[in-house]
Amino acid sequence: MKPSSAPRTPVLALALLCSACASPGRVLPEADRGAYPEPPAAAVLPDLSQLSYNAMANRYLLPLYTRLPPREVYCGCTFDTATRAVEPAACGFAPDKPWGDDATRGARIEWEHVVPAARMVQALGCSSRAACRSNEAFRLAENDPYNLLPALGALNARRSNHPYTELPGEPRVYGRCDFELEQHREQRQQLGRVEPPEDIKGDVARISLYYSQRYGLPFSDAEIQQFQAWSAQDPVSPEERYRAAYIRKQITGWANPFVE
């Protein structure tokens, strides 16, 4: 799939169009659900366009991790579902070159946008993320819980808006964490690429493909091919399937068809 040549402003307008035609997702046979039962349905779904992504995630998404193992995605750190606190030494987060905010952000989880909000801002042609929030389509895309994963705050900071890719040599500079970052400066900008852990590459891929389909977000041919390969190499796990079903029934009302 090539990046869209259409005008930039309406790219994410598909969010509004799809809300009327979204599929509730198929219910899987019991044998295919792994160890997790079908989650209950919420009596009333939240209005995603009226919340900040942090408020939405803390109120509606965080309770999911009382049903699933409460692990963040980049280092496998277990977190406290009441406080979002992490014990970084217990899961091996030990960066070779510590940053100034490691003491605080390394001890808590944050909500990582798998598809960066900056990419949505670019697609819409807004001057800033704050400016984009006047657009309901952007708010829906920024707040979409399928795109939010719990991540160690310090690694969320290092990931920044860098795209995911395969990095040669498997550079490991964050202790036992399977999080690899390559950075360089170009025209006064800090550019980089990130390789996520092997066991979440499929999750990353299926979230990205979902954003391409639901919100019309443009990805390059190379990115789409990479996502398809990652999705094939790392199939949907019972935890990922339950997470998607929980989000569908408790928060959005629509499915990620690349998972369910």
Protein backbone atom coordinates (compact mmCIF):
# COMPACT_ATOMS: atom_id res chain seq x y z
CA MET A 1 0.00 0.00 0.00
CA LYS A 2 1.41 3.35 -1.00
CA PRO A 3 0.91 6.56 0.96
CA SER A 4 -2.32 8.26 -0.06
CA SER A 5 -2.08 11.05 -2.63
CA ALA A 6 -5.41 12.53 -1.48
CA PRO A 7 -5.51 15.86 0.41
CA ARG A 8 -4.15 15.46 3.90
CA THR A 9 -6.98 16.98 5.94
CA PRO A 10 -9.63 14.23 5.41
CA VAL A 11 -7.27 11.26 5.95
CA LEU A 12 -8.58 10.41 9.43
CA ALA A 13 -12.19 11.25 8.61
CA LEU A 14 -12.66 7.51 8.12
CA ALA A 15 -12.86 7.31 11.91
CA LEU A 16 -16.23 9.04 11.81
CA LEU A 17 -17.51 7.10 8.82
CA CYS A 18 -16.51 3.72 10.23
CA SER A 19 -18.29 4.19 13.53
CA ALA A 20 -21.60 3.55 11.82
CA CYS A 21 -20.45 0.47 9.95
CA ALA A 22 -18.03 -1.14 12.42
CA SER A 23 -18.32 -4.86 12.93
CA PRO A 24 -18.75 -6.00 16.53
CA GLY A 25 -16.30 -8.82 15.77
CA ARG A 26 -16.98 -12.53 15.66
CA VAL A 27 -17.22 -14.58 18.82
CA LEU A 28 -14.59 -17.29 18.85
CA PRO A 29 -15.40 -20.90 19.67
CA GLU A 30 -14.52 -21.77 23.25
CA ALA A 31 -11.68 -24.06 22.09
CA ASP A 32 -9.96 -21.15 20.32
CA ARG A 33 -9.99 -18.73 23.25
CA GLY A 34 -7.13 -20.25 25.19
CA ALA A 35 -7.37 -19.87 28.96
CA TYR A 36 -9.51 -16.73 28.90
CA PRO A 37 -13.33 -16.70 28.90
CA GLU A 38 -15.33 -14.23 26.84
CA PRO A 39 -15.21 -10.87 28.69
CA PRO A 40 -18.46 -9.26 29.82
CA ALA A 41 -20.08 -6.45 27.85
CA ALA A 42 -20.33 -2.96 29.33
CA ALA A 43 -23.81 -1.56 29.87
CA VAL A 44 -22.65 1.81 28.48
CA LEU A 45 -19.58 2.44 26.34
CA PRO A 46 -17.46 5.57 26.92
CA ASP A 47 -17.41 8.44 24.42
CA LEU A 48 -13.82 8.23 23.22
CA SER A 49 -13.96 11.64 21.58
CA GLN A 50 -14.56 13.37 24.92
CA LEU A 51 -11.62 12.02 26.93
CA SER A 52 -7.87 12.43 26.96
CA TYR A 53 -6.06 9.23 26.09
CA ASN A 54 -4.51 9.03 29.57
CA ALA A 55 -7.85 9.50 31.31
CA MET A 56 -9.48 6.94 29.04
CA ALA A 57 -6.70 4.38 29.51
CA ASN A 58 -6.45 4.77 33.28
CA ARG A 59 -10.19 4.49 33.75
CA TYR A 60 -11.19 1.91 31.14
CA LEU A 61 -8.08 0.07 29.95
CA LEU A 62 -6.10 -0.36 33.17
CA PRO A 63 -8.74 -2.70 34.70
CA LEU A 64 -8.02 -5.14 31.86
CA TYR A 65 -4.70 -5.91 33.55
CA THR A 66 -6.46 -7.28 36.61
CA ARG A 67 -7.67 -10.01 34.23
CA LEU A 68 -4.43 -10.44 32.25
CA PRO A 69 -0.86 -10.67 33.59
CA PRO A 70 0.06 -7.03 34.38
CA ARG A 71 3.24 -6.85 32.29
CA GLU A 72 4.51 -3.93 30.28
CA VAL A 73 5.57 -4.54 26.69
CA TYR A 74 9.24 -3.58 26.28
CA CYS A 75 10.91 -5.28 29.23
CA GLY A 76 8.28 -7.64 30.60
CA CYS A 77 8.13 -5.69 33.85
CA THR A 78 5.28 -6.53 36.20
CA PHE A 79 3.40 -3.45 37.38
CA ASP A 80 1.00 -2.68 40.20
CA THR A 81 -2.45 -2.17 38.68
CA ALA A 82 -3.46 0.25 41.44
CA THR A 83 -0.43 2.56 41.27
CA ARG A 84 1.18 1.64 37.89
CA ALA A 85 4.47 1.32 39.81
CA VAL A 86 7.30 -0.88 38.51
CA GLU A 87 10.40 -2.29 40.21
CA PRO A 88 12.84 -1.82 37.29
CA ALA A 89 15.70 -3.82 38.81
CA ALA A 90 13.44 -6.85 39.17
CA CYS A 91 12.84 -7.03 35.41
CA GLY A 92 16.36 -6.10 34.30
CA PHE A 93 16.03 -2.49 33.18
CA ALA A 94 19.60 -1.20 33.48
CA PRO A 95 20.50 1.24 30.69
CA ASP A 96 24.16 1.64 29.74
CA LYS A 97 23.64 5.41 29.51
CA PRO A 98 20.97 6.50 32.01
CA TRP A 99 18.86 9.55 31.24
CA GLY A 100 17.89 12.23 33.73
CA ASP A 101 14.30 11.01 34.07
CA ASP A 102 15.09 7.30 34.48
CA ALA A 103 14.60 7.42 38.25
CA THR A 104 10.95 8.45 37.88
CA ARG A 105 9.86 7.18 34.45
CA GLY A 106 11.81 3.96 34.92
CA ALA A 107 9.69 3.16 37.96
CA ARG A 108 6.25 3.48 36.39
CA ILE A 109 4.33 2.44 33.34
CA GLU A 110 2.94 4.87 30.78
CA TRP A 111 0.58 4.39 27.86
CA GLU A 112 2.57 3.91 24.67
CA HIS A 113 1.00 4.83 21.33
CA VAL A 114 2.08 1.98 19.06
CA VAL A 115 1.16 4.16 16.09
CA PRO A 116 2.61 7.51 17.24
CA ALA A 117 0.21 10.41 17.66
CA ALA A 118 2.76 12.51 15.77
CA ARG A 119 2.08 10.38 12.71
CA MET A 120 -1.63 11.18 12.97
CA VAL A 121 -0.79 14.89 13.31
CA GLN A 122 1.33 14.69 10.16
CA ALA A 123 -1.44 12.92 8.25
CA LEU A 124 -3.94 15.62 9.17
CA GLY A 125 -1.51 18.44 8.47
CA CYS A 126 -2.04 20.12 11.86
CA SER A 127 0.50 22.52 13.27
CA SER A 128 0.73 20.54 16.51
CA ARG A 129 -0.84 17.72 18.51
CA ALA A 130 -2.73 20.26 20.61
CA ALA A 131 -4.09 21.91 17.47
CA CYS A 132 -5.26 18.55 16.13
CA ARG A 133 -7.38 17.92 19.23
CA SER A 134 -10.06 20.27 17.89
CA ASN A 135 -10.64 17.57 15.24
CA GLU A 136 -12.94 14.78 16.47
CA ALA A 137 -11.41 12.25 14.07
CA PHE A 138 -7.99 12.91 15.58
CA ARG A 139 -9.32 12.57 19.13
CA LEU A 140 -10.83 9.18 18.27
CA ALA A 141 -7.57 7.99 16.72
CA GLU A 142 -5.40 9.36 19.55
CA ASN A 143 -7.63 7.78 22.21
CA ASP A 144 -8.24 4.43 20.50
CA PRO A 145 -7.42 1.83 23.19
CA TYR A 146 -6.29 -0.78 20.66
CA ASN A 147 -3.26 1.45 20.08
CA LEU A 148 -2.30 1.92 23.75
CA LEU A 149 0.01 -0.56 25.44
CA PRO A 150 1.54 -0.31 28.94
CA ALA A 151 5.25 0.46 28.63
CA LEU A 152 8.04 1.28 31.04
CA GLY A 153 8.05 5.09 31.07
CA ALA A 154 11.77 5.39 30.41
CA LEU A 155 11.52 3.17 27.33
CA ASN A 156 8.40 4.98 26.19
CA ALA A 157 10.53 8.14 26.26
CA ARG A 158 13.32 6.52 24.27
CA ARG A 159 10.95 5.13 21.69
CA SER A 160 9.55 8.67 21.17
CA ASN A 161 7.96 8.80 17.70
CA HIS A 162 10.52 6.53 16.05
CA PRO A 163 9.15 3.89 13.66
CA TYR A 164 9.46 0.18 14.36
CA THR A 165 11.74 -1.91 12.17
CA GLU A 166 14.29 -4.72 12.19
CA LEU A 167 17.74 -3.63 13.42
CA PRO A 168 20.87 -5.59 12.51
CA GLY A 169 23.11 -6.82 15.27
CA GLU A 170 20.52 -6.91 18.06
CA PRO A 171 22.07 -4.00 20.02
CA ARG A 172 21.23 -4.37 23.74
CA VAL A 173 21.95 -1.34 25.91
CA TYR A 174 19.01 -1.51 28.35
CA GLY A 175 20.01 -4.45 30.52
CA ARG A 176 17.89 -7.55 29.96
CA CYS A 177 15.23 -5.60 28.05
CA ASP A 178 14.78 -6.74 24.44
CA PHE A 179 14.39 -3.14 23.27
CA GLU A 180 16.73 -1.95 20.54
CA LEU A 181 17.21 1.66 19.47
CA GLU A 182 19.28 3.18 16.68
CA GLN A 183 19.54 6.99 16.61
CA HIS A 184 21.29 9.65 14.55
CA ARG A 185 21.02 13.38 13.93
CA GLU A 186 19.98 14.78 10.59
CA GLN A 187 19.38 18.49 9.90
CA ARG A 188 19.21 19.21 13.65
CA GLN A 189 16.62 16.49 14.16
CA GLN A 190 17.06 13.40 16.30
CA LEU A 191 15.96 10.50 14.12
CA GLY A 192 15.80 6.89 15.07
CA ARG A 193 14.37 3.42 14.62
CA VAL A 194 13.22 0.90 17.23
CA GLU A 195 12.99 -2.88 17.17
CA PRO A 196 10.40 -4.17 19.66
CA PRO A 197 10.69 -7.52 21.47
CA GLU A 198 10.03 -10.61 19.37
CA ASP A 199 6.90 -11.55 21.28
CA ILE A 200 5.10 -8.25 20.62
CA LYS A 201 6.06 -7.76 16.96
CA GLY A 202 2.82 -9.39 15.88
CA ASP A 203 0.81 -7.19 18.26
CA VAL A 204 2.54 -4.08 16.86
CA ALA A 205 1.87 -5.26 13.31
CA ARG A 206 -1.82 -5.95 13.83
CA ILE A 207 -2.38 -2.61 15.56
CA SER A 208 -0.62 -0.78 12.71
CA LEU A 209 -2.59 -2.64 10.02
CA TYR A 210 -5.77 -1.81 11.90
CA TYR A 211 -4.85 1.89 11.84
CA SER A 212 -4.20 1.69 8.12
CA GLN A 213 -7.64 0.18 7.54
CA ARG A 214 -9.81 1.97 10.09
CA TYR A 215 -8.31 5.46 9.98
CA GLY A 216 -6.81 5.48 6.50
CA LEU A 217 -3.38 6.25 7.95
CA PRO A 218 -0.75 5.94 5.18
CA PHE A 219 2.13 3.49 5.54
CA SER A 220 4.81 2.72 2.96
CA ASP A 221 4.87 -0.55 1.01
CA ALA A 222 7.93 -1.61 3.01
CA GLU A 223 6.14 -0.97 6.31
CA ILE A 224 3.06 -2.93 5.25
CA GLN A 225 5.22 -5.85 4.13
CA GLN A 226 7.08 -5.77 7.45
CA PHE A 227 3.83 -5.75 9.42
CA GLN A 228 2.47 -8.66 7.43
CA ALA A 229 5.66 -10.63 8.03
CA TRP A 230 5.65 -9.87 11.76
CA SER A 231 2.00 -10.84 12.04
CA ALA A 232 2.73 -14.19 10.39
CA GLN A 233 5.83 -14.84 12.52
CA ASP A 234 4.13 -13.89 15.81
CA PRO A 235 0.51 -15.14 15.65
CA VAL A 236 -2.28 -13.92 17.89
CA SER A 237 -1.86 -15.19 21.45
CA PRO A 238 -4.72 -15.95 23.88
CA GLU A 239 -3.77 -12.81 25.83
CA GLU A 240 -3.88 -10.59 22.74
CA ARG A 241 -7.21 -12.09 21.68
CA TYR A 242 -8.71 -11.55 25.12
CA ARG A 243 -7.39 -7.98 25.20
CA ALA A 244 -9.05 -7.25 21.85
CA ALA A 245 -12.34 -8.81 22.95
CA TYR A 246 -12.27 -6.85 26.20
CA ILE A 247 -11.68 -3.57 24.36
CA ARG A 248 -14.48 -4.35 21.90
CA LYS A 249 -17.02 -5.22 24.59
CA GLN A 250 -16.01 -2.76 27.33
CA ILE A 251 -14.70 0.32 25.51
CA THR A 252 -15.14 0.71 21.73
CA GLY A 253 -18.00 -1.46 20.49
CA TRP A 254 -16.00 -2.36 17.39
CA ALA A 255 -13.33 -4.97 16.70
CA ASN A 256 -9.77 -5.01 15.48
CA PRO A 257 -10.35 -7.44 12.59
CA PHE A 258 -6.66 -8.33 12.42
CA VAL A 259 -6.96 -9.94 15.87
CA GLU A 260 -10.55 -11.21 16.19
